[in-house]
Amino acid sequence: VVIVDDIIDTAGTITKGAVALKSWGAKEIYVCCTHAVLSGPAIQR
């Protein structure tokens, strides 16, 4: 799976999506975005 978005800010959307996709049977998950805002808990998430 390749999740694509324009912005990763707090990474809540992306990481919750990744957890859900893994539970639904995704083999490997890659994430890509154009703008790495990366605020708050983004890196830890």
ModelCIF file with pLDDT and N, C-alpha, C, O atoms, coordinates in Angstrom:
data_MODEL
#
_entry.id   MODEL 
#
_entity.id                         1 
_entity.type                       polymer 
_entity.pdbx_number_of_molecules   1 
#
_entity_poly.entity_id                      1 
_entity_poly.type                           'polypeptide(L)' 
_entity_poly.nstd_linkage                   no 
_entity_poly.nstd_monomer                   no 
_entity_poly.pdbx_seq_one_letter_code       VVIVDDIIDTAGTITKGAVALKSWGAKEIYVCCTHAVLSGPAIQR 
_entity_poly.pdbx_seq_one_letter_code_can   VVIVDDIIDTAGTITKGAVALKSWGAKEIYVCCTHAVLSGPAIQR 
_entity_poly.pdbx_strand_id                 A 
#
loop_
_entity_poly_seq.entity_id 
_entity_poly_seq.num 
_entity_poly_seq.mon_id 
_entity_poly_seq.hetero 
1 1  VAL n 
1 2  VAL n 
1 3  ILE n 
1 4  VAL n 
1 5  ASP n 
1 6  ASP n 
1 7  ILE n 
1 8  ILE n 
1 9  ASP n 
1 10 THR n 
1 11 ALA n 
1 12 GLY n 
1 13 THR n 
1 14 ILE n 
1 15 THR n 
1 16 LYS n 
1 17 GLY n 
1 18 ALA n 
1 19 VAL n 
1 20 ALA n 
1 21 LEU n 
1 22 LYS n 
1 23 SER n 
1 24 TRP n 
1 25 GLY n 
1 26 ALA n 
1 27 LYS n 
1 28 GLU n 
1 29 ILE n 
1 30 TYR n 
1 31 VAL n 
1 32 CYS n 
1 33 CYS n 
1 34 THR n 
1 35 HIS n 
1 36 ALA n 
1 37 VAL n 
1 38 LEU n 
1 39 SER n 
1 40 GLY n 
1 41 PRO n 
1 42 ALA n 
1 43 ILE n 
1 44 GLN n 
1 45 ARG n 
#
_struct_asym.id          A 
_struct_asym.entity_id   1 
#
loop_
_ma_qa_metric.id 
_ma_qa_metric.mode 
_ma_qa_metric.name 
_ma_qa_metric.software_group_id 
_ma_qa_metric.type 
1 global pLDDT . pLDDT 
2 local  pLDDT . pLDDT 
#
_ma_qa_metric_global.metric_id      1 
_ma_qa_metric_global.metric_value   95.22 
_ma_qa_metric_global.model_id       1 
_ma_qa_metric_global.ordinal_id     1 
#
loop_
_ma_qa_metric_local.label_asym_id 
_ma_qa_metric_local.label_comp_id 
_ma_qa_metric_local.label_seq_id 
_ma_qa_metric_local.metric_id 
_ma_qa_metric_local.metric_value 
_ma_qa_metric_local.model_id 
_ma_qa_metric_local.ordinal_id 
A VAL 1  2 98.00 1 1  
A VAL 2  2 98.00 1 2  
A ILE 3  2 97.00 1 3  
A VAL 4  2 97.00 1 4  
A ASP 5  2 95.00 1 5  
A ASP 6  2 95.00 1 6  
A ILE 7  2 95.00 1 7  
A ILE 8  2 96.00 1 8  
A ASP 9  2 95.00 1 9  
A THR 10 2 93.00 1 10 
A ALA 11 2 94.00 1 11 
A GLY 12 2 89.00 1 12 
A THR 13 2 87.00 1 13 
A ILE 14 2 93.00 1 14 
A THR 15 2 94.00 1 15 
A LYS 16 2 90.00 1 16 
A GLY 17 2 92.00 1 17 
A ALA 18 2 95.00 1 18 
A VAL 19 2 94.00 1 19 
A ALA 20 2 93.00 1 20 
A LEU 21 2 95.00 1 21 
A LYS 22 2 96.00 1 22 
A SER 23 2 94.00 1 23 
A TRP 24 2 94.00 1 24 
A GLY 25 2 95.00 1 25 
A ALA 26 2 96.00 1 26 
A LYS 27 2 96.00 1 27 
A GLU 28 2 97.00 1 28 
A ILE 29 2 98.00 1 29 
A TYR 30 2 98.00 1 30 
A VAL 31 2 98.00 1 31 
A CYS 32 2 97.00 1 32 
A CYS 33 2 97.00 1 33 
A THR 34 2 97.00 1 34 
A HIS 35 2 97.00 1 35 
A ALA 36 2 96.00 1 36 
A VAL 37 2 96.00 1 37 
A LEU 38 2 97.00 1 38 
A SER 39 2 95.00 1 39 
A GLY 40 2 94.00 1 40 
A PRO 41 2 96.00 1 41 
A ALA 42 2 96.00 1 42 
A ILE 43 2 97.00 1 43 
A GLN 44 2 97.00 1 44 
A ARG 45 2 96.00 1 45 
#
loop_
_atom_site.group_PDB 
_atom_site.id 
_atom_site.type_symbol 
_atom_site.label_atom_id 
_atom_site.label_alt_id 
_atom_site.label_comp_id 
_atom_site.label_asym_id 
_atom_site.label_entity_id 
_atom_site.label_seq_id 
_atom_site.pdbx_PDB_ins_code 
_atom_site.Cartn_x 
_atom_site.Cartn_y 
_atom_site.Cartn_z 
_atom_site.occupancy 
_atom_site.B_iso_or_equiv 
_atom_site.pdbx_formal_charge 
_atom_site.auth_seq_id 
_atom_site.auth_comp_id 
_atom_site.auth_asym_id 
_atom_site.auth_atom_id 
_atom_site.pdbx_PDB_model_num 
ATOM 1   N N  . VAL A 1 1  ? 0.836  -1.198 0.000  1.00 98.00 ? 1  VAL A N  1 
ATOM 2   C CA . VAL A 1 1  ? 0.000  0.000  0.000  1.00 98.00 ? 1  VAL A CA 1 
ATOM 3   C C  . VAL A 1 1  ? 0.877  1.257  0.000  1.00 98.00 ? 1  VAL A C  1 
ATOM 4   O O  . VAL A 1 1  ? 1.849  1.354  0.749  1.00 98.00 ? 1  VAL A O  1 
ATOM 5   N N  . VAL A 1 2  ? 0.510  2.218  -0.859 1.00 98.00 ? 2  VAL A N  1 
ATOM 6   C CA . VAL A 1 2  ? 1.146  3.538  -0.856 1.00 98.00 ? 2  VAL A CA 1 
ATOM 7   C C  . VAL A 1 2  ? 0.063  4.570  -0.538 1.00 98.00 ? 2  VAL A C  1 
ATOM 8   O O  . VAL A 1 2  ? -0.822 4.821  -1.357 1.00 98.00 ? 2  VAL A O  1 
ATOM 9   N N  . ILE A 1 3  ? 0.137  5.166  0.653  1.00 97.00 ? 3  ILE A N  1 
ATOM 10  C CA . ILE A 1 3  ? -0.810 6.227  1.027  1.00 97.00 ? 3  ILE A CA 1 
ATOM 11  C C  . ILE A 1 3  ? -0.235 7.556  0.547  1.00 97.00 ? 3  ILE A C  1 
ATOM 12  O O  . ILE A 1 3  ? 0.926  7.863  0.818  1.00 97.00 ? 3  ILE A O  1 
ATOM 13  N N  . VAL A 1 4  ? -1.035 8.341  -0.161 1.00 97.00 ? 4  VAL A N  1 
ATOM 14  C CA . VAL A 1 4  ? -0.530 9.623  -0.672 1.00 97.00 ? 4  VAL A CA 1 
ATOM 15  C C  . VAL A 1 4  ? -1.408 10.764 -0.170 1.00 97.00 ? 4  VAL A C  1 
ATOM 16  O O  . VAL A 1 4  ? -2.636 10.674 -0.189 1.00 97.00 ? 4  VAL A O  1 
ATOM 17  N N  . ASP A 1 5  ? -0.760 11.843 0.280  1.00 95.00 ? 5  ASP A N  1 
ATOM 18  C CA . ASP A 1 5  ? -1.470 13.031 0.752  1.00 95.00 ? 5  ASP A CA 1 
ATOM 19  C C  . ASP A 1 5  ? -0.658 14.258 0.369  1.00 95.00 ? 5  ASP A C  1 
ATOM 20  O O  . ASP A 1 5  ? 0.506  14.138 -0.015 1.00 95.00 ? 5  ASP A O  1 
ATOM 21  N N  . ASP A 1 6  ? -1.268 15.451 0.471  1.00 95.00 ? 6  ASP A N  1 
ATOM 22  C CA . ASP A 1 6  ? -0.496 16.655 0.148  1.00 95.00 ? 6  ASP A CA 1 
ATOM 23  C C  . ASP A 1 6  ? 0.330  17.106 1.349  1.00 95.00 ? 6  ASP A C  1 
ATOM 24  O O  . ASP A 1 6  ? 1.470  17.544 1.196  1.00 95.00 ? 6  ASP A O  1 
ATOM 25  N N  . ILE A 1 7  ? -0.253 16.996 2.552  1.00 95.00 ? 7  ILE A N  1 
ATOM 26  C CA . ILE A 1 7  ? 0.403  17.482 3.773  1.00 95.00 ? 7  ILE A CA 1 
ATOM 27  C C  . ILE A 1 7  ? 0.400  16.390 4.842  1.00 95.00 ? 7  ILE A C  1 
ATOM 28  O O  . ILE A 1 7  ? -0.608 15.711 5.040  1.00 95.00 ? 7  ILE A O  1 
ATOM 29  N N  . ILE A 1 8  ? 1.533  16.226 5.532  1.00 96.00 ? 8  ILE A N  1 
ATOM 30  C CA . ILE A 1 8  ? 1.523  15.477 6.801  1.00 96.00 ? 8  ILE A CA 1 
ATOM 31  C C  . ILE A 1 8  ? 1.799  16.511 7.883  1.00 96.00 ? 8  ILE A C  1 
ATOM 32  O O  . ILE A 1 8  ? 2.901  17.054 7.965  1.00 96.00 ? 8  ILE A O  1 
ATOM 33  N N  . ASP A 1 9  ? 0.795  16.782 8.714  1.00 95.00 ? 9  ASP A N  1 
ATOM 34  C CA . ASP A 1 9  ? 0.938  17.793 9.774  1.00 95.00 ? 9  ASP A CA 1 
ATOM 35  C C  . ASP A 1 9  ? 1.205  17.077 11.101 1.00 95.00 ? 9  ASP A C  1 
ATOM 36  O O  . ASP A 1 9  ? 2.362  16.862 11.462 1.00 95.00 ? 9  ASP A O  1 
ATOM 37  N N  . THR A 1 10 ? 0.153  16.707 11.826 1.00 93.00 ? 10 THR A N  1 
ATOM 38  C CA . THR A 1 10 ? 0.363  15.989 13.096 1.00 93.00 ? 10 THR A CA 1 
ATOM 39  C C  . THR A 1 10 ? 0.467  14.484 12.856 1.00 93.00 ? 10 THR A C  1 
ATOM 40  O O  . THR A 1 10 ? 0.746  13.722 13.782 1.00 93.00 ? 10 THR A O  1 
ATOM 41  N N  . ALA A 1 11 ? 0.243  14.057 11.611 1.00 94.00 ? 11 ALA A N  1 
ATOM 42  C CA . ALA A 1 11 ? 0.334  12.644 11.179 1.00 94.00 ? 11 ALA A CA 1 
ATOM 43  C C  . ALA A 1 11 ? -0.779 11.770 11.756 1.00 94.00 ? 11 ALA A C  1 
ATOM 44  O O  . ALA A 1 11 ? -0.687 10.544 11.689 1.00 94.00 ? 11 ALA A O  1 
ATOM 45  N N  . GLY A 1 12 ? -1.816 12.367 12.316 1.00 89.00 ? 12 GLY A N  1 
ATOM 46  C CA . GLY A 1 12 ? -2.928 11.585 12.858 1.00 89.00 ? 12 GLY A CA 1 
ATOM 47  C C  . GLY A 1 12 ? -3.678 10.820 11.782 1.00 89.00 ? 12 GLY A C  1 
ATOM 48  O O  . GLY A 1 12 ? -3.938 9.626  11.925 1.00 89.00 ? 12 GLY A O  1 
ATOM 49  N N  . THR A 1 13 ? -4.025 11.514 10.701 1.00 87.00 ? 13 THR A N  1 
ATOM 50  C CA . THR A 1 13 ? -4.758 10.888 9.591  1.00 87.00 ? 13 THR A CA 1 
ATOM 51  C C  . THR A 1 13 ? -3.974 9.719  9.020  1.00 87.00 ? 13 THR A C  1 
ATOM 52  O O  . THR A 1 13 ? -4.510 8.625  8.846  1.00 87.00 ? 13 THR A O  1 
ATOM 53  N N  . ILE A 1 14 ? -2.692 9.959  8.728  1.00 93.00 ? 14 ILE A N  1 
ATOM 54  C CA . ILE A 1 14 ? -1.846 8.962  8.059  1.00 93.00 ? 14 ILE A CA 1 
ATOM 55  C C  . ILE A 1 14 ? -1.618 7.744  8.945  1.00 93.00 ? 14 ILE A C  1 
ATOM 56  O O  . ILE A 1 14 ? -1.732 6.611  8.479  1.00 93.00 ? 14 ILE A O  1 
ATOM 57  N N  . THR A 1 15 ? -1.297 7.966  10.217 1.00 94.00 ? 15 THR A N  1 
ATOM 58  C CA . THR A 1 15 ? -0.948 6.833  11.085 1.00 94.00 ? 15 THR A CA 1 
ATOM 59  C C  . THR A 1 15 ? -2.184 6.010  11.457 1.00 94.00 ? 15 THR A C  1 
ATOM 60  O O  . THR A 1 15 ? -2.110 4.784  11.533 1.00 94.00 ? 15 THR A O  1 
ATOM 61  N N  . LYS A 1 16 ? -3.315 6.676  11.688 1.00 90.00 ? 16 LYS A N  1 
ATOM 62  C CA . LYS A 1 16 ? -4.554 5.917  11.955 1.00 90.00 ? 16 LYS A CA 1 
ATOM 63  C C  . LYS A 1 16 ? -4.946 5.112  10.721 1.00 90.00 ? 16 LYS A C  1 
ATOM 64  O O  . LYS A 1 16 ? -5.389 3.967  10.817 1.00 90.00 ? 16 LYS A O  1 
ATOM 65  N N  . GLY A 1 17 ? -4.771 5.741  9.557  1.00 92.00 ? 17 GLY A N  1 
ATOM 66  C CA . GLY A 1 17 ? -5.038 5.037  8.301  1.00 92.00 ? 17 GLY A CA 1 
ATOM 67  C C  . GLY A 1 17 ? -4.137 3.831  8.129  1.00 92.00 ? 17 GLY A C  1 
ATOM 68  O O  . GLY A 1 17 ? -4.593 2.770  7.701  1.00 92.00 ? 17 GLY A O  1 
ATOM 69  N N  . ALA A 1 18 ? -2.849 3.981  8.462  1.00 95.00 ? 18 ALA A N  1 
ATOM 70  C CA . ALA A 1 18 ? -1.880 2.884  8.327  1.00 95.00 ? 18 ALA A CA 1 
ATOM 71  C C  . ALA A 1 18 ? -2.225 1.722  9.259  1.00 95.00 ? 18 ALA A C  1 
ATOM 72  O O  . ALA A 1 18 ? -2.151 0.557  8.866  1.00 95.00 ? 18 ALA A O  1 
ATOM 73  N N  . VAL A 1 19 ? -2.605 2.050  10.499 1.00 94.00 ? 19 VAL A N  1 
ATOM 74  C CA . VAL A 1 19 ? -2.984 1.006  11.467 1.00 94.00 ? 19 VAL A CA 1 
ATOM 75  C C  . VAL A 1 19 ? -4.213 0.243  10.955 1.00 94.00 ? 19 VAL A C  1 
ATOM 76  O O  . VAL A 1 19 ? -4.266 -0.985 11.018 1.00 94.00 ? 19 VAL A O  1 
ATOM 77  N N  . ALA A 1 20 ? -5.195 0.992  10.451 1.00 93.00 ? 20 ALA A N  1 
ATOM 78  C CA . ALA A 1 20 ? -6.413 0.352  9.927  1.00 93.00 ? 20 ALA A CA 1 
ATOM 79  C C  . ALA A 1 20 ? -6.093 -0.525 8.714  1.00 93.00 ? 20 ALA A C  1 
ATOM 80  O O  . ALA A 1 20 ? -6.599 -1.642 8.610  1.00 93.00 ? 20 ALA A O  1 
ATOM 81  N N  . LEU A 1 21 ? -5.260 -0.031 7.799  1.00 95.00 ? 21 LEU A N  1 
ATOM 82  C CA . LEU A 1 21 ? -4.899 -0.793 6.593  1.00 95.00 ? 21 LEU A CA 1 
ATOM 83  C C  . LEU A 1 21 ? -4.157 -2.067 6.962  1.00 95.00 ? 21 LEU A C  1 
ATOM 84  O O  . LEU A 1 21 ? -4.364 -3.111 6.344  1.00 95.00 ? 21 LEU A O  1 
ATOM 85  N N  . LYS A 1 22 ? -3.289 -1.985 7.973  1.00 96.00 ? 22 LYS A N  1 
ATOM 86  C CA . LYS A 1 22 ? -2.548 -3.175 8.424  1.00 96.00 ? 22 LYS A CA 1 
ATOM 87  C C  . LYS A 1 22 ? -3.530 -4.216 8.975  1.00 96.00 ? 22 LYS A C  1 
ATOM 88  O O  . LYS A 1 22 ? -3.399 -5.412 8.718  1.00 96.00 ? 22 LYS A O  1 
ATOM 89  N N  . SER A 1 23 ? -4.518 -3.728 9.742  1.00 94.00 ? 23 SER A N  1 
ATOM 90  C CA . SER A 1 23 ? -5.494 -4.663 10.329 1.00 94.00 ? 23 SER A CA 1 
ATOM 91  C C  . SER A 1 23 ? -6.402 -5.274 9.254  1.00 94.00 ? 23 SER A C  1 
ATOM 92  O O  . SER A 1 23 ? -6.969 -6.349 9.452  1.00 94.00 ? 23 SER A O  1 
ATOM 93  N N  . TRP A 1 24 ? -6.536 -4.580 8.112  1.00 94.00 ? 24 TRP A N  1 
ATOM 94  C CA . TRP A 1 24 ? -7.337 -5.086 7.003  1.00 94.00 ? 24 TRP A CA 1 
ATOM 95  C C  . TRP A 1 24 ? -6.511 -5.940 6.029  1.00 94.00 ? 24 TRP A C  1 
ATOM 96  O O  . TRP A 1 24 ? -7.014 -6.358 4.986  1.00 94.00 ? 24 TRP A O  1 
ATOM 97  N N  . GLY A 1 25 ? -5.243 -6.195 6.375  1.00 95.00 ? 25 GLY A N  1 
ATOM 98  C CA . GLY A 1 25 ? -4.466 -7.165 5.606  1.00 95.00 ? 25 GLY A CA 1 
ATOM 99  C C  . GLY A 1 25 ? -3.424 -6.622 4.644  1.00 95.00 ? 25 GLY A C  1 
ATOM 100 O O  . GLY A 1 25 ? -2.927 -7.366 3.798  1.00 95.00 ? 25 GLY A O  1 
ATOM 101 N N  . ALA A 1 26 ? -3.080 -5.342 4.752  1.00 96.00 ? 26 ALA A N  1 
ATOM 102 C CA . ALA A 1 26 ? -2.020 -4.793 3.892  1.00 96.00 ? 26 ALA A CA 1 
ATOM 103 C C  . ALA A 1 26 ? -0.690 -5.444 4.242  1.00 96.00 ? 26 ALA A C  1 
ATOM 104 O O  . ALA A 1 26 ? -0.393 -5.677 5.413  1.00 96.00 ? 26 ALA A O  1 
ATOM 105 N N  . LYS A 1 27 ? 0.118  -5.738 3.208  1.00 96.00 ? 27 LYS A N  1 
ATOM 106 C CA . LYS A 1 27 ? 1.401  -6.407 3.431  1.00 96.00 ? 27 LYS A CA 1 
ATOM 107 C C  . LYS A 1 27 ? 2.449  -5.419 3.939  1.00 96.00 ? 27 LYS A C  1 
ATOM 108 O O  . LYS A 1 27 ? 2.994  -5.583 5.031  1.00 96.00 ? 27 LYS A O  1 
ATOM 109 N N  . GLU A 1 28 ? 2.726  -4.383 3.127  1.00 97.00 ? 28 GLU A N  1 
ATOM 110 C CA . GLU A 1 28 ? 3.674  -3.336 3.510  1.00 97.00 ? 28 GLU A CA 1 
ATOM 111 C C  . GLU A 1 28 ? 3.027  -1.995 3.245  1.00 97.00 ? 28 GLU A C  1 
ATOM 112 O O  . GLU A 1 28 ? 2.245  -1.858 2.304  1.00 97.00 ? 28 GLU A O  1 
ATOM 113 N N  . ILE A 1 29 ? 3.346  -0.992 4.069  1.00 98.00 ? 29 ILE A N  1 
ATOM 114 C CA . ILE A 1 29 ? 2.736  0.321  3.913  1.00 98.00 ? 29 ILE A CA 1 
ATOM 115 C C  . ILE A 1 29 ? 3.804  1.389  3.728  1.00 98.00 ? 29 ILE A C  1 
ATOM 116 O O  . ILE A 1 29 ? 4.705  1.543  4.551  1.00 98.00 ? 29 ILE A O  1 
ATOM 117 N N  . TYR A 1 30 ? 3.681  2.120  2.631  1.00 98.00 ? 30 TYR A N  1 
ATOM 118 C CA . TYR A 1 30 ? 4.537  3.282  2.359  1.00 98.00 ? 30 TYR A CA 1 
ATOM 119 C C  . TYR A 1 30 ? 3.643  4.519  2.395  1.00 98.00 ? 30 TYR A C  1 
ATOM 120 O O  . TYR A 1 30 ? 2.466  4.463  2.039  1.00 98.00 ? 30 TYR A O  1 
ATOM 121 N N  . VAL A 1 31 ? 4.218  5.626  2.828  1.00 98.00 ? 31 VAL A N  1 
ATOM 122 C CA . VAL A 1 31 ? 3.464  6.881  2.899  1.00 98.00 ? 31 VAL A CA 1 
ATOM 123 C C  . VAL A 1 31 ? 4.230  7.924  2.102  1.00 98.00 ? 31 VAL A C  1 
ATOM 124 O O  . VAL A 1 31 ? 5.453  8.012  2.214  1.00 98.00 ? 31 VAL A O  1 
ATOM 125 N N  . CYS A 1 32 ? 3.528  8.715  1.299  1.00 97.00 ? 32 CYS A N  1 
ATOM 126 C CA . CYS A 1 32 ? 4.222  9.817  0.629  1.00 97.00 ? 32 CYS A CA 1 
ATOM 127 C C  . CYS A 1 32 ? 3.390  11.085 0.657  1.00 97.00 ? 32 CYS A C  1 
ATOM 128 O O  . CYS A 1 32 ? 2.160  11.042 0.624  1.00 97.00 ? 32 CYS A O  1 
ATOM 129 N N  . CYS A 1 33 ? 4.086  12.220 0.718  1.00 97.00 ? 33 CYS A N  1 
ATOM 130 C CA . CYS A 1 33 ? 3.416  13.518 0.744  1.00 97.00 ? 33 CYS A CA 1 
ATOM 131 C C  . CYS A 1 33 ? 4.336  14.552 0.115  1.00 97.00 ? 33 CYS A C  1 
ATOM 132 O O  . CYS A 1 33 ? 5.534  14.323 -0.049 1.00 97.00 ? 33 CYS A O  1 
ATOM 133 N N  . THR A 1 34 ? 3.752  15.699 -0.234 1.00 97.00 ? 34 THR A N  1 
ATOM 134 C CA . THR A 1 34 ? 4.564  16.790 -0.789 1.00 97.00 ? 34 THR A CA 1 
ATOM 135 C C  . THR A 1 34 ? 5.119  17.665 0.330  1.00 97.00 ? 34 THR A C  1 
ATOM 136 O O  . THR A 1 34 ? 6.296  18.023 0.322  1.00 97.00 ? 34 THR A O  1 
ATOM 137 N N  . HIS A 1 35 ? 4.260  18.008 1.297  1.00 97.00 ? 35 HIS A N  1 
ATOM 138 C CA . HIS A 1 35 ? 4.657  18.980 2.324  1.00 97.00 ? 35 HIS A CA 1 
ATOM 139 C C  . HIS A 1 35 ? 4.773  18.322 3.698  1.00 97.00 ? 35 HIS A C  1 
ATOM 140 O O  . HIS A 1 35 ? 3.784  17.835 4.247  1.00 97.00 ? 35 HIS A O  1 
ATOM 141 N N  . ALA A 1 36 ? 5.978  18.311 4.242  1.00 96.00 ? 36 ALA A N  1 
ATOM 142 C CA . ALA A 1 36 ? 6.226  17.695 5.553  1.00 96.00 ? 36 ALA A CA 1 
ATOM 143 C C  . ALA A 1 36 ? 6.151  18.765 6.641  1.00 96.00 ? 36 ALA A C  1 
ATOM 144 O O  . ALA A 1 36 ? 7.173  19.297 7.073  1.00 96.00 ? 36 ALA A O  1 
ATOM 145 N N  . VAL A 1 37 ? 4.919  19.074 7.082  1.00 96.00 ? 37 VAL A N  1 
ATOM 146 C CA . VAL A 1 37 ? 4.749  20.079 8.141  1.00 96.00 ? 37 VAL A CA 1 
ATOM 147 C C  . VAL A 1 37 ? 5.274  19.516 9.466  1.00 96.00 ? 37 VAL A C  1 
ATOM 148 O O  . VAL A 1 37 ? 5.998  20.197 10.193 1.00 96.00 ? 37 VAL A O  1 
ATOM 149 N N  . LEU A 1 38 ? 4.902  18.265 9.774  1.00 97.00 ? 38 LEU A N  1 
ATOM 150 C CA . LEU A 1 38 ? 5.433  17.504 10.924 1.00 97.00 ? 38 LEU A CA 1 
ATOM 151 C C  . LEU A 1 38 ? 5.404  18.290 12.238 1.00 97.00 ? 38 LEU A C  1 
ATOM 152 O O  . LEU A 1 38 ? 6.443  18.522 12.857 1.00 97.00 ? 38 LEU A O  1 
ATOM 153 N N  . SER A 1 39 ? 4.201  18.696 12.653 1.00 95.00 ? 39 SER A N  1 
ATOM 154 C CA . SER A 1 39 ? 4.088  19.439 13.910 1.00 95.00 ? 39 SER A CA 1 
ATOM 155 C C  . SER A 1 39 ? 3.638  18.518 15.042 1.00 95.00 ? 39 SER A C  1 
ATOM 156 O O  . SER A 1 39 ? 3.152  17.412 14.807 1.00 95.00 ? 39 SER A O  1 
ATOM 157 N N  . GLY A 1 40 ? 3.808  18.995 16.269 1.00 94.00 ? 40 GLY A N  1 
ATOM 158 C CA . GLY A 1 40 ? 3.349  18.253 17.453 1.00 94.00 ? 40 GLY A CA 1 
ATOM 159 C C  . GLY A 1 40 ? 3.913  16.847 17.536 1.00 94.00 ? 40 GLY A C  1 
ATOM 160 O O  . GLY A 1 40 ? 5.126  16.657 17.448 1.00 94.00 ? 40 GLY A O  1 
ATOM 161 N N  . PRO A 1 41 ? 3.026  15.838 17.708 1.00 96.00 ? 41 PRO A N  1 
ATOM 162 C CA . PRO A 1 41 ? 3.499  14.456 17.915 1.00 96.00 ? 41 PRO A CA 1 
ATOM 163 C C  . PRO A 1 41 ? 3.778  13.691 16.610 1.00 96.00 ? 41 PRO A C  1 
ATOM 164 O O  . PRO A 1 41 ? 3.876  12.464 16.631 1.00 96.00 ? 41 PRO A O  1 
ATOM 165 N N  . ALA A 1 42 ? 3.908  14.394 15.482 1.00 96.00 ? 42 ALA A N  1 
ATOM 166 C CA . ALA A 1 42 ? 3.988  13.725 14.179 1.00 96.00 ? 42 ALA A CA 1 
ATOM 167 C C  . ALA A 1 42 ? 5.114  12.687 14.108 1.00 96.00 ? 42 ALA A C  1 
ATOM 168 O O  . ALA A 1 42 ? 4.887  11.558 13.675 1.00 96.00 ? 42 ALA A O  1 
ATOM 169 N N  . ILE A 1 43 ? 6.316  13.062 14.526 1.00 97.00 ? 43 ILE A N  1 
ATOM 170 C CA . ILE A 1 43 ? 7.464  12.162 14.374 1.00 97.00 ? 43 ILE A CA 1 
ATOM 171 C C  . ILE A 1 43 ? 7.291  10.906 15.224 1.00 97.00 ? 43 ILE A C  1 
ATOM 172 O O  . ILE A 1 43 ? 7.574  9.799  14.766 1.00 97.00 ? 43 ILE A O  1 
ATOM 173 N N  . GLN A 1 44 ? 6.825  11.079 16.462 1.00 97.00 ? 44 GLN A N  1 
ATOM 174 C CA . GLN A 1 44 ? 6.592  9.919  17.340 1.00 97.00 ? 44 GLN A CA 1 
ATOM 175 C C  . GLN A 1 44 ? 5.542  8.989  16.731 1.00 97.00 ? 44 GLN A C  1 
ATOM 176 O O  . GLN A 1 44 ? 5.698  7.768  16.756 1.00 97.00 ? 44 GLN A O  1 
ATOM 177 N N  . ARG A 1 45 ? 4.478  9.567  16.189 1.00 96.00 ? 45 ARG A N  1 
ATOM 178 C CA . ARG A 1 45 ? 3.417  8.764  15.569 1.00 96.00 ? 45 ARG A CA 1 
ATOM 179 C C  . ARG A 1 45 ? 3.940  7.987  14.357 1.00 96.00 ? 45 ARG A C  1 
ATOM 180 O O  . ARG A 1 45 ? 3.181  7.260  13.716 1.00 96.00 ? 45 ARG A O  1 
#
